[in-house]
Structures are given as C-alpha cells and as structure tokens.
Amino acid sequence: MNLSAIKILLIDDSTFSRNLLKRTLGDKYQYLEAADGMMGIDLFTVAKPDLIFLDLTMPGVSGMEVLQTLQKIDQNARVIIASANVQSLTHQEVMAMGASGFVPKPFTPESVQPIVQLLLQEAL
C-alpha cells in the first residue's frame, strides 16, 4: 500500500492539535483538515478518507454528533477519537457508538502510531 496515497482527516477546532498530530504521524500521509464538525462531515463525504481523527469537544457540532453522522454515512468509517477526556465512561460510549479507537491528548507517537498501523492494515 502506498502510504502517500492514504488520506487522514483531522477534525479538531485546535490548529495546534492538528499540527501536533501531523508531526506525530509524520509526512508519509496525505492530510485533510477540518476546524469544526460540519466541515469535517463535508470533507468526509467528498474526500472519502481512509482514517479520521475526531476531537470530542468542539463548538457547534460536537464530536459525538459528528461520529454518529459519519457512522450513518459509512458504517465502516475508521474513526479514532482524539480527546483529553480520558474518562472510561466516555471511552466506552464512543466505542459503543462505532469508533475504531481512542487516543488521549496530548498525542505521543506511542499512543497514536500503533492504532493507525492496525487500522490501516485492517483496511487492506
């Protein structure tokens, strides 16, 4: 699989978080960025990304609402929740809603890279 052809959609209202995630994952992927939930949903439908990182806490449409919408559009969407809210109840809730994984903020290569590799291997 050509890694540079893999599209990763980053849906987060924080430019800092999006940039940190890109630095953590490296420059081998193609990144799409959305600063809010609605823009993320629109980009998802147009670009058909291979993987989505989704923040839970955003103004306007929440990450939970975005996750529900993405699952309605494509129940096979691979969505990784990226959040500072690491409460086990939140983690359980998003996984029950169809999220493919959960990574805590702040990002570290050790927390992000294994889940990305696993989900991309499953996509093959």
C-alpha atoms as a PDB file:
ATOM      1  CA  MET A   1       0.000   0.000   0.000  1.00  0.00           C
ATOM      2  CA  ASN A   2       1.329   3.408  -0.975  1.00  0.00           C
ATOM      3  CA  LEU A   3       1.332   5.412   2.277  1.00  0.00           C
ATOM      4  CA  SER A   4       1.359   8.770   0.492  1.00  0.00           C
ATOM      5  CA  ALA A   5      -1.992   7.818  -1.060  1.00  0.00           C
ATOM      6  CA  ILE A   6      -3.564   7.300   2.380  1.00  0.00           C
ATOM      7  CA  LYS A   7      -5.838  10.166   3.352  1.00  0.00           C
ATOM      8  CA  ILE A   8      -6.230  11.038   7.021  1.00  0.00           C
ATOM      9  CA  LEU A   9      -8.911  13.536   8.001  1.00  0.00           C
ATOM     10  CA  LEU A  10      -8.215  15.564  11.143  1.00  0.00           C
ATOM     11  CA  ILE A  11     -11.358  17.086  12.668  1.00  0.00           C
ATOM     12  CA  ASP A  12     -10.363  19.356  15.543  1.00  0.00           C
ATOM     13  CA  ASP A  13     -11.050  23.004  16.315  1.00  0.00           C
ATOM     14  CA  SER A  14      -7.474  23.388  17.601  1.00  0.00           C
ATOM     15  CA  THR A  15      -4.896  24.174  14.919  1.00  0.00           C
ATOM     16  CA  PHE A  16      -2.236  23.282  17.491  1.00  0.00           C
ATOM     17  CA  SER A  17      -3.714  19.790  17.985  1.00  0.00           C
ATOM     18  CA  ARG A  18      -3.996  19.179  14.239  1.00  0.00           C
ATOM     19  CA  ASN A  19      -0.388  20.251  13.692  1.00  0.00           C
ATOM     20  CA  LEU A  20       0.841  18.154  16.629  1.00  0.00           C
ATOM     21  CA  LEU A  21      -0.951  15.104  15.270  1.00  0.00           C
ATOM     22  CA  LYS A  22       0.584  15.619  11.809  1.00  0.00           C
ATOM     23  CA  ARG A  23       4.053  15.919  13.357  1.00  0.00           C
ATOM     24  CA  THR A  24       3.398  12.796  15.459  1.00  0.00           C
ATOM     25  CA  LEU A  25       2.323  10.739  12.429  1.00  0.00           C
ATOM     26  CA  GLY A  26       4.939  12.125  10.059  1.00  0.00           C
ATOM     27  CA  ASP A  27       4.798  13.309   6.476  1.00  0.00           C
ATOM     28  CA  LYS A  28       4.077   9.936   4.868  1.00  0.00           C
ATOM     29  CA  TYR A  29       0.312  10.512   4.655  1.00  0.00           C
ATOM     30  CA  GLN A  30      -1.972  12.983   2.901  1.00  0.00           C
ATOM     31  CA  TYR A  31      -3.786  15.138   5.469  1.00  0.00           C
ATOM     32  CA  LEU A  32      -7.156  16.818   5.221  1.00  0.00           C
ATOM     33  CA  GLU A  33      -8.114  19.249   7.955  1.00  0.00           C
ATOM     34  CA  ALA A  34     -11.411  20.485   9.326  1.00  0.00           C
ATOM     35  CA  ALA A  35     -11.653  23.117  12.051  1.00  0.00           C
ATOM     36  CA  ASP A  36     -15.219  22.158  13.006  1.00  0.00           C
ATOM     37  CA  GLY A  37     -17.628  19.267  12.860  1.00  0.00           C
ATOM     38  CA  MET A  38     -19.686  20.389   9.868  1.00  0.00           C
ATOM     39  CA  MET A  39     -16.584  20.989   7.768  1.00  0.00           C
ATOM     40  CA  GLY A  40     -15.373  17.537   8.833  1.00  0.00           C
ATOM     41  CA  ILE A  41     -18.601  15.870   7.720  1.00  0.00           C
ATOM     42  CA  ASP A  42     -18.451  17.700   4.390  1.00  0.00           C
ATOM     43  CA  LEU A  43     -14.808  16.730   3.812  1.00  0.00           C
ATOM     44  CA  PHE A  44     -15.588  13.126   4.739  1.00  0.00           C
ATOM     45  CA  THR A  45     -18.335  12.840   2.132  1.00  0.00           C
ATOM     46  CA  VAL A  46     -16.242  14.452  -0.606  1.00  0.00           C
ATOM     47  CA  ALA A  47     -12.755  13.052   0.073  1.00  0.00           C
ATOM     48  CA  LYS A  48     -13.572   9.560   1.428  1.00  0.00           C
ATOM     49  CA  PRO A  49     -10.569   9.464   3.804  1.00  0.00           C
ATOM     50  CA  ASP A  50      -9.038   6.189   4.935  1.00  0.00           C
ATOM     51  CA  LEU A  51      -8.876   7.262   8.569  1.00  0.00           C
ATOM     52  CA  ILE A  52     -10.403  10.029  10.683  1.00  0.00           C
ATOM     53  CA  PHE A  53      -9.132  11.587  13.893  1.00  0.00           C
ATOM     54  CA  LEU A  54     -12.012  13.284  15.684  1.00  0.00           C
ATOM     55  CA  ASP A  55     -11.943  15.608  18.688  1.00  0.00           C
ATOM     56  CA  LEU A  56     -14.944  15.323  21.010  1.00  0.00           C
ATOM     57  CA  THR A  57     -15.080  18.874  22.324  1.00  0.00           C
ATOM     58  CA  MET A  58     -15.699  21.427  19.592  1.00  0.00           C
ATOM     59  CA  PRO A  59     -18.015  24.422  19.273  1.00  0.00           C
ATOM     60  CA  GLY A  60     -21.148  23.887  17.198  1.00  0.00           C
ATOM     61  CA  VAL A  61     -21.490  20.246  16.218  1.00  0.00           C
ATOM     62  CA  SER A  62     -19.896  18.065  18.910  1.00  0.00           C
ATOM     63  CA  GLY A  63     -17.566  15.178  18.200  1.00  0.00           C
ATOM     64  CA  MET A  64     -20.251  12.730  19.363  1.00  0.00           C
ATOM     65  CA  GLU A  65     -22.687  14.158  16.787  1.00  0.00           C
ATOM     66  CA  VAL A  66     -20.023  14.008  14.084  1.00  0.00           C
ATOM     67  CA  LEU A  67     -19.282  10.368  14.955  1.00  0.00           C
ATOM     68  CA  GLN A  68     -22.986   9.490  14.706  1.00  0.00           C
ATOM     69  CA  THR A  69     -23.269  11.240  11.331  1.00  0.00           C
ATOM     70  CA  LEU A  70     -20.135   9.601   9.930  1.00  0.00           C
ATOM     71  CA  GLN A  71     -21.431   6.183  11.016  1.00  0.00           C
ATOM     72  CA  LYS A  72     -24.741   6.866   9.224  1.00  0.00           C
ATOM     73  CA  ILE A  73     -22.884   7.828   6.044  1.00  0.00           C
ATOM     74  CA  ASP A  74     -20.469   4.886   6.198  1.00  0.00           C
ATOM     75  CA  GLN A  75     -20.700   2.307   8.965  1.00  0.00           C
ATOM     76  CA  ASN A  76     -17.195   1.108   8.032  1.00  0.00           C
ATOM     77  CA  ALA A  77     -15.616   4.536   8.609  1.00  0.00           C
ATOM     78  CA  ARG A  78     -12.484   4.197  10.715  1.00  0.00           C
ATOM     79  CA  VAL A  79     -12.782   6.952  13.310  1.00  0.00           C
ATOM     80  CA  ILE A  80     -10.238   7.430  16.069  1.00  0.00           C
ATOM     81  CA  ILE A  81     -11.431   9.659  18.882  1.00  0.00           C
ATOM     82  CA  ALA A  82      -8.673  12.037  19.970  1.00  0.00           C
ATOM     83  CA  SER A  83      -9.590  13.668  23.246  1.00  0.00           C
ATOM     84  CA  ALA A  84      -8.249  14.970  26.532  1.00  0.00           C
ATOM     85  CA  ASN A  85     -11.366  13.450  28.137  1.00  0.00           C
ATOM     86  CA  VAL A  86      -9.979  10.062  29.126  1.00  0.00           C
ATOM     87  CA  GLN A  87     -12.791   9.031  31.464  1.00  0.00           C
ATOM     88  CA  SER A  88     -13.601   5.367  30.979  1.00  0.00           C
ATOM     89  CA  LEU A  89     -17.322   6.111  30.558  1.00  0.00           C
ATOM     90  CA  THR A  90     -16.595   8.428  27.611  1.00  0.00           C
ATOM     91  CA  HIS A  91     -14.222   5.869  26.135  1.00  0.00           C
ATOM     92  CA  GLN A  92     -16.843   3.117  26.425  1.00  0.00           C
ATOM     93  CA  GLU A  93     -19.565   5.347  24.974  1.00  0.00           C
ATOM     94  CA  VAL A  94     -17.651   6.320  21.820  1.00  0.00           C
ATOM     95  CA  MET A  95     -16.547   2.732  21.230  1.00  0.00           C
ATOM     96  CA  ALA A  96     -20.174   1.588  21.550  1.00  0.00           C
ATOM     97  CA  MET A  97     -21.127   4.277  19.009  1.00  0.00           C
ATOM     98  CA  GLY A  98     -18.767   2.787  16.451  1.00  0.00           C
ATOM     99  CA  ALA A  99     -15.411   4.479  16.999  1.00  0.00           C
ATOM    100  CA  SER A 100     -12.464   2.359  15.910  1.00  0.00           C
ATOM    101  CA  GLY A 101     -10.123   3.604  18.604  1.00  0.00           C
ATOM    102  CA  PHE A 102      -9.328   6.234  21.211  1.00  0.00           C
ATOM    103  CA  VAL A 103      -6.115   8.173  21.763  1.00  0.00           C
ATOM    104  CA  PRO A 104      -5.541  10.600  24.614  1.00  0.00           C
ATOM    105  CA  LYS A 105      -4.342  14.160  24.173  1.00  0.00           C
ATOM    106  CA  PRO A 106      -1.602  15.265  24.270  1.00  0.00           C
ATOM    107  CA  PHE A 107      -0.526  12.958  21.478  1.00  0.00           C
ATOM    108  CA  THR A 108       2.554  10.776  21.656  1.00  0.00           C
ATOM    109  CA  PRO A 109       3.948   8.542  18.931  1.00  0.00           C
ATOM    110  CA  GLU A 110       3.478   5.573  21.293  1.00  0.00           C
ATOM    111  CA  SER A 111      -0.246   6.229  21.641  1.00  0.00           C
ATOM    112  CA  VAL A 112      -1.009   7.173  18.028  1.00  0.00           C
ATOM    113  CA  GLN A 113       1.160   5.145  15.659  1.00  0.00           C
ATOM    114  CA  PRO A 114       0.128   1.602  16.750  1.00  0.00           C
ATOM    115  CA  ILE A 115      -3.609   2.265  16.276  1.00  0.00           C
ATOM    116  CA  VAL A 116      -3.018   3.925  12.903  1.00  0.00           C
ATOM    117  CA  GLN A 117      -0.937   0.959  11.703  1.00  0.00           C
ATOM    118  CA  LEU A 118      -3.527  -1.538  12.976  1.00  0.00           C
ATOM    119  CA  LEU A 119      -6.477   0.211  11.309  1.00  0.00           C
ATOM    120  CA  LEU A 120      -4.645   0.696   8.031  1.00  0.00           C
ATOM    121  CA  GLN A 121      -3.654  -2.987   7.971  1.00  0.00           C
ATOM    122  CA  GLU A 122      -7.309  -3.924   8.520  1.00  0.00           C
ATOM    123  CA  ALA A 123      -8.220  -1.731   5.552  1.00  0.00           C
ATOM    124  CA  LEU A 124      -6.068  -3.791   3.189  1.00  0.00           C
END
